[in-house]
Amino acid sequence: MATRDKNTGGTLDAVSLAIIEQLQEDGRRPYAAIGKAVGLSEAAVRQRVQKLLDQGVMQIVAVTDPLTVGFRRQAMVGINVEGDLDPVADALTAMDEVEYVVVTAGSFDLIAEIVCEDDDHLLEMINKRIRTLPGVRSTESFVYLKLKKQTYTWGTR
């Protein structure tokens, strides 16, 4: 099975998909162990992983619970925009506190997840930085009370 890689325009073969799944389960898994699981040498796995990283197909990062590293407030912000979405989306992506930005269909044009130190920081982000962006018509905030599940092991299907 191969799947089209939207970032590079190419296709990912079954071996690359299997490598991705191995790393989704454990981002620190040794290349030798991955090689054994997918039928490649350690060097071949290293090359494939580097290519996937270089092409932007995946990232290998430490995922933390923001509460444990000093960020006491997270929120999802739904944003309605007048006109072109791209300038607003680009401005949001440039903000350090914004973890991700999604263009959506439905009640909101954009959804952004923001991570802040506290409620004052959240208020500043929404009131002074997001709502003041040219083109932003309205926002609706969904403050996180407790993170119940966060996973990146959805596989490659």
N, C-alpha and C. Protein backbone atom coordinates (compact mmCIF):
# COMPACT_ATOMS: atom_id res chain seq x y z
N MET A 1 0.83 -1.18 0.00
CA MET A 1 0.00 0.00 0.00
C MET A 1 0.88 1.24 0.00
N ALA A 2 0.56 2.20 -0.81
CA ALA A 2 1.26 3.48 -0.83
C ALA A 2 0.22 4.58 -0.66
N THR A 3 0.65 5.68 -0.10
CA THR A 3 -0.25 6.81 0.08
C THR A 3 0.42 8.06 -0.46
N ARG A 4 -0.35 8.95 -0.99
CA ARG A 4 0.18 10.17 -1.58
C ARG A 4 0.63 11.11 -0.47
N ASP A 5 1.84 11.61 -0.60
CA ASP A 5 2.39 12.56 0.36
C ASP A 5 2.02 13.96 -0.11
N LYS A 6 1.14 14.62 0.63
CA LYS A 6 0.65 15.94 0.25
C LYS A 6 1.73 17.01 0.28
N ASN A 7 2.76 16.84 1.12
CA ASN A 7 3.80 17.85 1.24
C ASN A 7 4.80 17.81 0.10
N THR A 8 5.11 16.63 -0.40
CA THR A 8 6.15 16.52 -1.41
C THR A 8 5.60 16.20 -2.79
N GLY A 9 4.33 15.82 -2.85
CA GLY A 9 3.74 15.45 -4.13
C GLY A 9 4.06 14.02 -4.52
N GLY A 10 4.94 13.37 -3.76
CA GLY A 10 5.32 11.99 -4.05
C GLY A 10 4.43 11.02 -3.30
N THR A 11 4.84 9.77 -3.32
CA THR A 11 4.09 8.77 -2.58
C THR A 11 4.99 8.16 -1.52
N LEU A 12 4.38 7.76 -0.44
CA LEU A 12 5.09 7.05 0.61
C LEU A 12 4.81 5.57 0.43
N ASP A 13 5.86 4.77 0.38
CA ASP A 13 5.65 3.33 0.22
C ASP A 13 5.35 2.69 1.57
N ALA A 14 5.03 1.41 1.53
CA ALA A 14 4.63 0.69 2.74
C ALA A 14 5.74 0.70 3.79
N VAL A 15 6.99 0.67 3.38
CA VAL A 15 8.09 0.66 4.33
C VAL A 15 8.18 2.01 5.05
N SER A 16 8.06 3.11 4.32
CA SER A 16 8.09 4.43 4.96
C SER A 16 6.93 4.58 5.93
N LEU A 17 5.76 4.11 5.52
CA LEU A 17 4.59 4.17 6.41
C LEU A 17 4.84 3.34 7.67
N ALA A 18 5.47 2.19 7.53
CA ALA A 18 5.77 1.34 8.69
C ALA A 18 6.78 2.02 9.61
N ILE A 19 7.75 2.69 9.05
CA ILE A 19 8.73 3.44 9.86
C ILE A 19 8.02 4.53 10.65
N ILE A 20 7.14 5.26 9.99
CA ILE A 20 6.38 6.31 10.68
C ILE A 20 5.58 5.73 11.83
N GLU A 21 4.92 4.60 11.61
CA GLU A 21 4.13 3.97 12.67
C GLU A 21 5.02 3.55 13.84
N GLN A 22 6.20 3.04 13.56
CA GLN A 22 7.13 2.66 14.61
C GLN A 22 7.50 3.88 15.46
N LEU A 23 7.77 5.00 14.80
CA LEU A 23 8.16 6.21 15.52
C LEU A 23 6.98 6.86 16.24
N GLN A 24 5.75 6.67 15.73
CA GLN A 24 4.59 7.18 16.45
C GLN A 24 4.41 6.44 17.77
N GLU A 25 4.73 5.16 17.77
CA GLU A 25 4.63 4.38 19.01
C GLU A 25 5.70 4.79 20.00
N ASP A 26 6.91 5.07 19.51
CA ASP A 26 8.03 5.45 20.37
C ASP A 26 9.03 6.24 19.54
N GLY A 27 9.03 7.55 19.70
CA GLY A 27 9.91 8.42 18.92
C GLY A 27 11.38 8.21 19.21
N ARG A 28 11.71 7.48 20.29
CA ARG A 28 13.11 7.20 20.63
C ARG A 28 13.53 5.78 20.28
N ARG A 29 12.67 5.06 19.58
CA ARG A 29 12.99 3.68 19.21
C ARG A 29 14.27 3.66 18.36
N PRO A 30 15.22 2.81 18.69
CA PRO A 30 16.48 2.74 17.93
C PRO A 30 16.24 2.34 16.47
N TYR A 31 17.04 2.90 15.59
CA TYR A 31 16.92 2.59 14.16
C TYR A 31 17.12 1.11 13.89
N ALA A 32 17.98 0.46 14.68
CA ALA A 32 18.20 -0.98 14.50
C ALA A 32 16.92 -1.76 14.78
N ALA A 33 16.19 -1.37 15.82
CA ALA A 33 14.93 -2.05 16.15
C ALA A 33 13.88 -1.78 15.08
N ILE A 34 13.84 -0.56 14.58
CA ILE A 34 12.90 -0.24 13.50
C ILE A 34 13.25 -1.05 12.27
N GLY A 35 14.55 -1.12 11.95
CA GLY A 35 15.01 -1.89 10.79
C GLY A 35 14.58 -3.34 10.87
N LYS A 36 14.70 -3.92 12.05
CA LYS A 36 14.30 -5.31 12.25
C LYS A 36 12.79 -5.47 12.00
N ALA A 37 12.01 -4.50 12.46
CA ALA A 37 10.55 -4.57 12.32
C ALA A 37 10.09 -4.38 10.88
N VAL A 38 10.84 -3.58 10.10
CA VAL A 38 10.39 -3.26 8.74
C VAL A 38 11.22 -3.94 7.65
N GLY A 39 12.27 -4.68 8.05
CA GLY A 39 13.06 -5.41 7.07
C GLY A 39 14.13 -4.59 6.37
N LEU A 40 14.68 -3.58 7.06
CA LEU A 40 15.77 -2.78 6.49
C LEU A 40 16.96 -2.76 7.44
N SER A 41 18.10 -2.35 6.92
CA SER A 41 19.27 -2.16 7.78
C SER A 41 19.09 -0.88 8.59
N GLU A 42 19.88 -0.77 9.65
CA GLU A 42 19.86 0.43 10.47
C GLU A 42 20.19 1.67 9.63
N ALA A 43 21.18 1.56 8.76
CA ALA A 43 21.59 2.70 7.91
C ALA A 43 20.46 3.11 6.96
N ALA A 44 19.76 2.13 6.40
CA ALA A 44 18.66 2.44 5.48
C ALA A 44 17.52 3.13 6.21
N VAL A 45 17.24 2.70 7.44
CA VAL A 45 16.20 3.36 8.24
C VAL A 45 16.61 4.80 8.53
N ARG A 46 17.88 4.99 8.92
CA ARG A 46 18.38 6.34 9.23
C ARG A 46 18.19 7.25 8.02
N GLN A 47 18.53 6.76 6.82
CA GLN A 47 18.38 7.57 5.61
C GLN A 47 16.91 7.90 5.34
N ARG A 48 16.04 6.91 5.49
CA ARG A 48 14.62 7.14 5.24
C ARG A 48 14.04 8.13 6.23
N VAL A 49 14.40 7.99 7.51
CA VAL A 49 13.90 8.91 8.54
C VAL A 49 14.36 10.33 8.21
N GLN A 50 15.63 10.48 7.86
CA GLN A 50 16.14 11.81 7.54
C GLN A 50 15.40 12.41 6.35
N LYS A 51 15.12 11.60 5.34
CA LYS A 51 14.37 12.08 4.17
C LYS A 51 12.96 12.51 4.57
N LEU A 52 12.30 11.72 5.42
CA LEU A 52 10.94 12.08 5.88
C LEU A 52 10.96 13.37 6.68
N LEU A 53 12.01 13.57 7.48
CA LEU A 53 12.15 14.81 8.24
C LEU A 53 12.42 15.99 7.30
N ASP A 54 13.34 15.81 6.37
CA ASP A 54 13.71 16.88 5.44
C ASP A 54 12.53 17.31 4.58
N GLN A 55 11.67 16.36 4.21
CA GLN A 55 10.52 16.67 3.36
C GLN A 55 9.34 17.23 4.14
N GLY A 56 9.46 17.27 5.47
CA GLY A 56 8.38 17.79 6.28
C GLY A 56 7.22 16.82 6.46
N VAL A 57 7.44 15.55 6.14
CA VAL A 57 6.40 14.54 6.29
C VAL A 57 6.12 14.28 7.76
N MET A 58 7.17 14.38 8.60
CA MET A 58 7.00 14.13 10.02
C MET A 58 8.00 14.96 10.80
N GLN A 59 7.77 15.04 12.11
CA GLN A 59 8.68 15.65 13.06
C GLN A 59 8.86 14.66 14.20
N ILE A 60 10.01 14.69 14.82
CA ILE A 60 10.23 13.91 16.03
C ILE A 60 10.47 14.92 17.14
N VAL A 61 9.52 15.01 18.08
CA VAL A 61 9.57 16.01 19.13
C VAL A 61 9.17 15.39 20.47
N ALA A 62 9.54 16.07 21.55
CA ALA A 62 9.08 15.67 22.88
C ALA A 62 7.72 16.32 23.10
N VAL A 63 6.72 15.53 23.36
CA VAL A 63 5.37 16.04 23.62
C VAL A 63 5.19 16.13 25.13
N THR A 64 4.83 17.31 25.61
CA THR A 64 4.69 17.52 27.04
C THR A 64 3.24 17.84 27.39
N ASP A 65 2.93 17.71 28.66
CA ASP A 65 1.68 18.23 29.20
C ASP A 65 1.99 19.66 29.61
N PRO A 66 1.41 20.66 28.94
CA PRO A 66 1.76 22.05 29.24
C PRO A 66 1.65 22.42 30.72
N LEU A 67 0.70 21.83 31.43
CA LEU A 67 0.53 22.15 32.85
C LEU A 67 1.79 21.81 33.65
N THR A 68 2.47 20.75 33.29
CA THR A 68 3.64 20.32 34.06
C THR A 68 4.89 21.15 33.76
N VAL A 69 4.86 21.96 32.71
CA VAL A 69 6.02 22.78 32.37
C VAL A 69 5.72 24.28 32.48
N GLY A 70 4.71 24.63 33.28
CA GLY A 70 4.48 26.03 33.62
C GLY A 70 3.44 26.78 32.81
N PHE A 71 2.75 26.10 31.91
CA PHE A 71 1.71 26.77 31.14
C PHE A 71 0.36 26.34 31.71
N ARG A 72 -0.26 27.23 32.48
CA ARG A 72 -1.45 26.90 33.25
C ARG A 72 -2.76 27.06 32.49
N ARG A 73 -2.72 27.60 31.29
CA ARG A 73 -3.97 27.84 30.58
C ARG A 73 -3.82 27.51 29.10
N GLN A 74 -4.70 26.62 28.62
CA GLN A 74 -4.79 26.29 27.20
C GLN A 74 -6.20 26.61 26.74
N ALA A 75 -6.32 26.98 25.49
CA ALA A 75 -7.65 27.24 24.94
C ALA A 75 -7.65 26.98 23.44
N MET A 76 -8.80 26.59 22.96
CA MET A 76 -9.07 26.51 21.54
C MET A 76 -9.83 27.79 21.22
N VAL A 77 -9.44 28.48 20.17
CA VAL A 77 -10.10 29.72 19.80
C VAL A 77 -10.66 29.57 18.40
N GLY A 78 -11.98 29.69 18.29
CA GLY A 78 -12.64 29.71 16.99
C GLY A 78 -12.66 31.14 16.49
N ILE A 79 -12.28 31.34 15.23
CA ILE A 79 -12.12 32.69 14.69
C ILE A 79 -12.91 32.81 13.39
N ASN A 80 -13.73 33.86 13.31
CA ASN A 80 -14.41 34.19 12.06
C ASN A 80 -13.70 35.37 11.42
N VAL A 81 -13.51 35.28 10.12
CA VAL A 81 -12.70 36.24 9.38
C VAL A 81 -13.53 36.84 8.25
N GLU A 82 -13.33 38.12 8.03
CA GLU A 82 -13.90 38.77 6.84
C GLU A 82 -12.83 38.81 5.77
N GLY A 83 -13.18 38.36 4.57
CA GLY A 83 -12.21 38.37 3.48
C GLY A 83 -11.29 37.17 3.50
N ASP A 84 -10.09 37.38 2.99
CA ASP A 84 -9.10 36.32 2.81
C ASP A 84 -8.63 35.77 4.16
N LEU A 85 -8.66 34.45 4.31
CA LEU A 85 -8.24 33.80 5.54
C LEU A 85 -6.72 33.78 5.72
N ASP A 86 -5.99 33.71 4.63
CA ASP A 86 -4.56 33.48 4.70
C ASP A 86 -3.79 34.51 5.53
N PRO A 87 -4.03 35.81 5.40
CA PRO A 87 -3.26 36.75 6.23
C PRO A 87 -3.50 36.55 7.73
N VAL A 88 -4.72 36.23 8.11
CA VAL A 88 -5.01 35.99 9.52
C VAL A 88 -4.34 34.68 9.97
N ALA A 89 -4.47 33.63 9.17
CA ALA A 89 -3.83 32.35 9.51
C ALA A 89 -2.32 32.52 9.62
N ASP A 90 -1.72 33.28 8.70
CA ASP A 90 -0.27 33.50 8.74
C ASP A 90 0.14 34.27 9.98
N ALA A 91 -0.64 35.29 10.37
CA ALA A 91 -0.33 36.06 11.58
C ALA A 91 -0.42 35.18 12.82
N LEU A 92 -1.41 34.30 12.86
CA LEU A 92 -1.55 33.38 14.00
C LEU A 92 -0.37 32.43 14.08
N THR A 93 0.05 31.89 12.95
CA THR A 93 1.16 30.92 12.97
C THR A 93 2.46 31.57 13.43
N ALA A 94 2.57 32.87 13.30
CA ALA A 94 3.78 33.57 13.73
C ALA A 94 3.83 33.80 15.24
N MET A 95 2.73 33.57 15.93
CA MET A 95 2.67 33.79 17.39
C MET A 95 3.20 32.56 18.11
N ASP A 96 4.15 32.76 19.01
CA ASP A 96 4.76 31.64 19.75
C ASP A 96 3.73 30.84 20.54
N GLU A 97 2.73 31.50 21.09
CA GLU A 97 1.74 30.82 21.93
C GLU A 97 0.77 29.94 21.15
N VAL A 98 0.71 30.12 19.85
CA VAL A 98 -0.22 29.36 19.01
C VAL A 98 0.45 28.04 18.62
N GLU A 99 -0.18 26.93 19.03
CA GLU A 99 0.36 25.61 18.76
C GLU A 99 0.00 25.12 17.37
N TYR A 100 -1.21 25.36 16.95
CA TYR A 100 -1.60 25.00 15.59
C TYR A 100 -2.77 25.85 15.14
N VAL A 101 -2.89 25.95 13.83
CA VAL A 101 -3.95 26.72 13.19
C VAL A 101 -4.56 25.84 12.11
N VAL A 102 -5.90 25.77 12.10
CA VAL A 102 -6.60 24.93 11.15
C VAL A 102 -7.63 25.77 10.41
N VAL A 103 -7.65 25.68 9.09
CA VAL A 103 -8.72 26.29 8.29
C VAL A 103 -9.87 25.30 8.31
N THR A 104 -11.06 25.77 8.65
CA THR A 104 -12.19 24.87 8.84
C THR A 104 -13.39 25.27 8.00
N ALA A 105 -14.31 24.33 7.89
CA ALA A 105 -15.63 24.60 7.32
C ALA A 105 -16.61 24.43 8.47
N GLY A 106 -17.58 25.29 8.56
CA GLY A 106 -18.53 25.19 9.66
C GLY A 106 -18.69 26.52 10.36
N SER A 107 -18.81 26.48 11.68
CA SER A 107 -19.10 27.68 12.47
C SER A 107 -17.96 28.68 12.47
N PHE A 108 -16.73 28.21 12.30
CA PHE A 108 -15.57 29.09 12.33
C PHE A 108 -14.77 28.94 11.04
N ASP A 109 -14.08 30.02 10.69
CA ASP A 109 -13.19 29.97 9.52
C ASP A 109 -11.84 29.36 9.89
N LEU A 110 -11.38 29.68 11.11
CA LEU A 110 -10.10 29.18 11.61
C LEU A 110 -10.28 28.70 13.04
N ILE A 111 -9.49 27.73 13.41
CA ILE A 111 -9.40 27.31 14.81
C ILE A 111 -7.93 27.30 15.17
N ALA A 112 -7.62 27.91 16.32
CA ALA A 112 -6.24 27.96 16.79
C ALA A 112 -6.19 27.44 18.22
N GLU A 113 -5.17 26.63 18.50
CA GLU A 113 -4.94 26.22 19.88
C GLU A 113 -3.83 27.10 20.43
N ILE A 114 -4.08 27.68 21.61
CA ILE A 114 -3.07 28.53 22.23
C ILE A 114 -2.73 28.00 23.62
N VAL A 115 -1.48 28.16 23.99
CA VAL A 115 -0.97 27.73 25.28
C VAL A 115 -0.39 28.96 25.97
N CYS A 116 -0.90 29.25 27.17
CA CYS A 116 -0.52 30.47 27.89
C CYS A 116 -0.07 30.15 29.31
N GLU A 117 0.62 31.10 29.90
CA GLU A 117 1.12 30.92 31.26
C GLU A 117 -0.01 30.98 32.29
N ASP A 118 -0.98 31.85 32.07
CA ASP A 118 -2.06 32.02 33.03
C ASP A 118 -3.23 32.74 32.36
N ASP A 119 -4.27 33.06 33.13
CA ASP A 119 -5.45 33.71 32.57
C ASP A 119 -5.15 35.10 32.02
N ASP A 120 -4.28 35.86 32.68
CA ASP A 120 -3.92 37.18 32.18
C ASP A 120 -3.25 37.09 30.81
N HIS A 121 -2.39 36.11 30.66
CA HIS A 121 -1.71 35.89 29.38
C HIS A 121 -2.73 35.50 28.30
N LEU A 122 -3.68 34.64 28.67
CA LEU A 122 -4.73 34.24 27.73
C LEU A 122 -5.56 35.44 27.30
N LEU A 123 -5.95 36.27 28.27
CA LEU A 123 -6.73 37.47 27.96
C LEU A 123 -5.96 38.40 27.02
N GLU A 124 -4.67 38.59 27.29
CA GLU A 124 -3.84 39.42 26.41
C GLU A 124 -3.82 38.84 24.99
N MET A 125 -3.64 37.53 24.88
CA MET A 125 -3.59 36.88 23.57
C MET A 125 -4.88 37.12 22.79
N ILE A 126 -5.99 36.88 23.42
CA ILE A 126 -7.27 36.99 22.72
C ILE A 126 -7.63 38.45 22.46
N ASN A 127 -7.56 39.28 23.50
CA ASN A 127 -8.05 40.65 23.40
C ASN A 127 -7.11 41.59 22.66
N LYS A 128 -5.82 41.45 22.90
CA LYS A 128 -4.86 42.41 22.33
C LYS A 128 -4.16 41.92 21.06
N ARG A 129 -4.07 40.59 20.88
CA ARG A 129 -3.30 40.11 19.75
C ARG A 129 -4.14 39.43 18.67
N ILE A 130 -5.13 38.64 19.06
CA ILE A 130 -5.92 37.93 18.06
C ILE A 130 -7.07 38.80 17.54
N ARG A 131 -7.86 39.34 18.45
CA ARG A 131 -9.02 40.15 18.02
C ARG A 131 -8.63 41.41 17.28
N THR A 132 -7.41 41.89 17.45
CA THR A 132 -6.97 43.11 16.79
C THR A 132 -6.37 42.86 15.41
N LEU A 133 -6.25 41.60 15.02
CA LEU A 133 -5.71 41.31 13.68
C LEU A 133 -6.68 41.81 12.62
N PRO A 134 -6.17 42.48 11.58
CA PRO A 134 -7.05 42.92 10.49
C PRO A 134 -7.78 41.72 9.87
N GLY A 135 -9.09 41.86 9.73
CA GLY A 135 -9.90 40.80 9.14
C GLY A 135 -10.62 39.93 10.15
N VAL A 136 -10.20 39.95 11.41
CA VAL A 136 -10.87 39.14 12.43
C VAL A 136 -12.20 39.81 12.77
N ARG A 137 -13.28 39.07 12.54
CA ARG A 137 -14.63 39.57 12.81
C ARG A 137 -15.08 39.22 14.22
N SER A 138 -14.81 37.97 14.64
CA SER A 138 -15.22 37.54 15.98
C SER A 138 -14.41 36.33 16.40
N THR A 139 -14.39 36.08 17.70
CA THR A 139 -13.73 34.91 18.26
C THR A 139 -14.64 34.26 19.30
N GLU A 140 -14.44 32.99 19.50
CA GLU A 140 -15.08 32.28 20.59
C GLU A 140 -14.03 31.37 21.20
N SER A 141 -13.89 31.45 22.52
CA SER A 141 -12.83 30.71 23.21
C SER A 141 -13.39 29.52 23.96
N PHE A 142 -12.63 28.44 23.92
CA PHE A 142 -12.97 27.21 24.63
C PHE A 142 -11.78 26.89 25.52
N VAL A 143 -11.89 27.27 26.79
CA VAL A 143 -10.81 27.10 27.75
C VAL A 143 -10.75 25.64 28.19
N TYR A 144 -9.56 25.07 28.17
CA TYR A 144 -9.37 23.69 28.59
C TYR A 144 -9.36 23.63 30.12
N LEU A 145 -10.17 22.77 30.69
CA LEU A 145 -10.17 22.55 32.13
C LEU A 145 -9.26 21.40 32.52
N LYS A 146 -9.24 20.35 31.68
CA LYS A 146 -8.40 19.20 31.96
C LYS A 146 -8.14 18.46 30.65
N LEU A 147 -6.91 18.09 30.42
CA LEU A 147 -6.53 17.32 29.24
C LEU A 147 -6.75 15.85 29.55
N LYS A 148 -7.69 15.22 28.89
CA LYS A 148 -8.02 13.82 29.15
C LYS A 148 -7.29 12.86 28.21
N LYS A 149 -7.04 13.28 26.99
CA LYS A 149 -6.34 12.41 26.05
C LYS A 149 -5.59 13.25 25.04
N GLN A 150 -4.36 12.87 24.81
CA GLN A 150 -3.55 13.49 23.76
C GLN A 150 -2.67 12.38 23.22
N THR A 151 -2.85 12.05 21.96
CA THR A 151 -2.08 10.96 21.38
C THR A 151 -1.70 11.30 19.94
N TYR A 152 -0.63 10.70 19.52
CA TYR A 152 -0.16 10.87 18.15
C TYR A 152 0.07 9.52 17.50
N THR A 153 -0.65 8.53 17.96
CA THR A 153 -0.44 7.16 17.47
C THR A 153 -1.58 6.70 16.58
N TRP A 154 -2.08 7.58 15.73
CA TRP A 154 -3.20 7.22 14.85
C TRP A 154 -2.77 6.36 13.68
N GLY A 155 -1.48 6.11 13.54
CA GLY A 155 -1.00 5.26 12.46
C GLY A 155 -0.94 6.01 11.15
N THR A 156 -0.88 5.26 10.06
CA THR A 156 -0.74 5.88 8.75
C THR A 156 -1.89 5.51 7.81
N ARG A 157 -2.72 4.57 8.22
CA ARG A 157 -3.85 4.11 7.43
C ARG A 157 -3.51 4.03 5.97
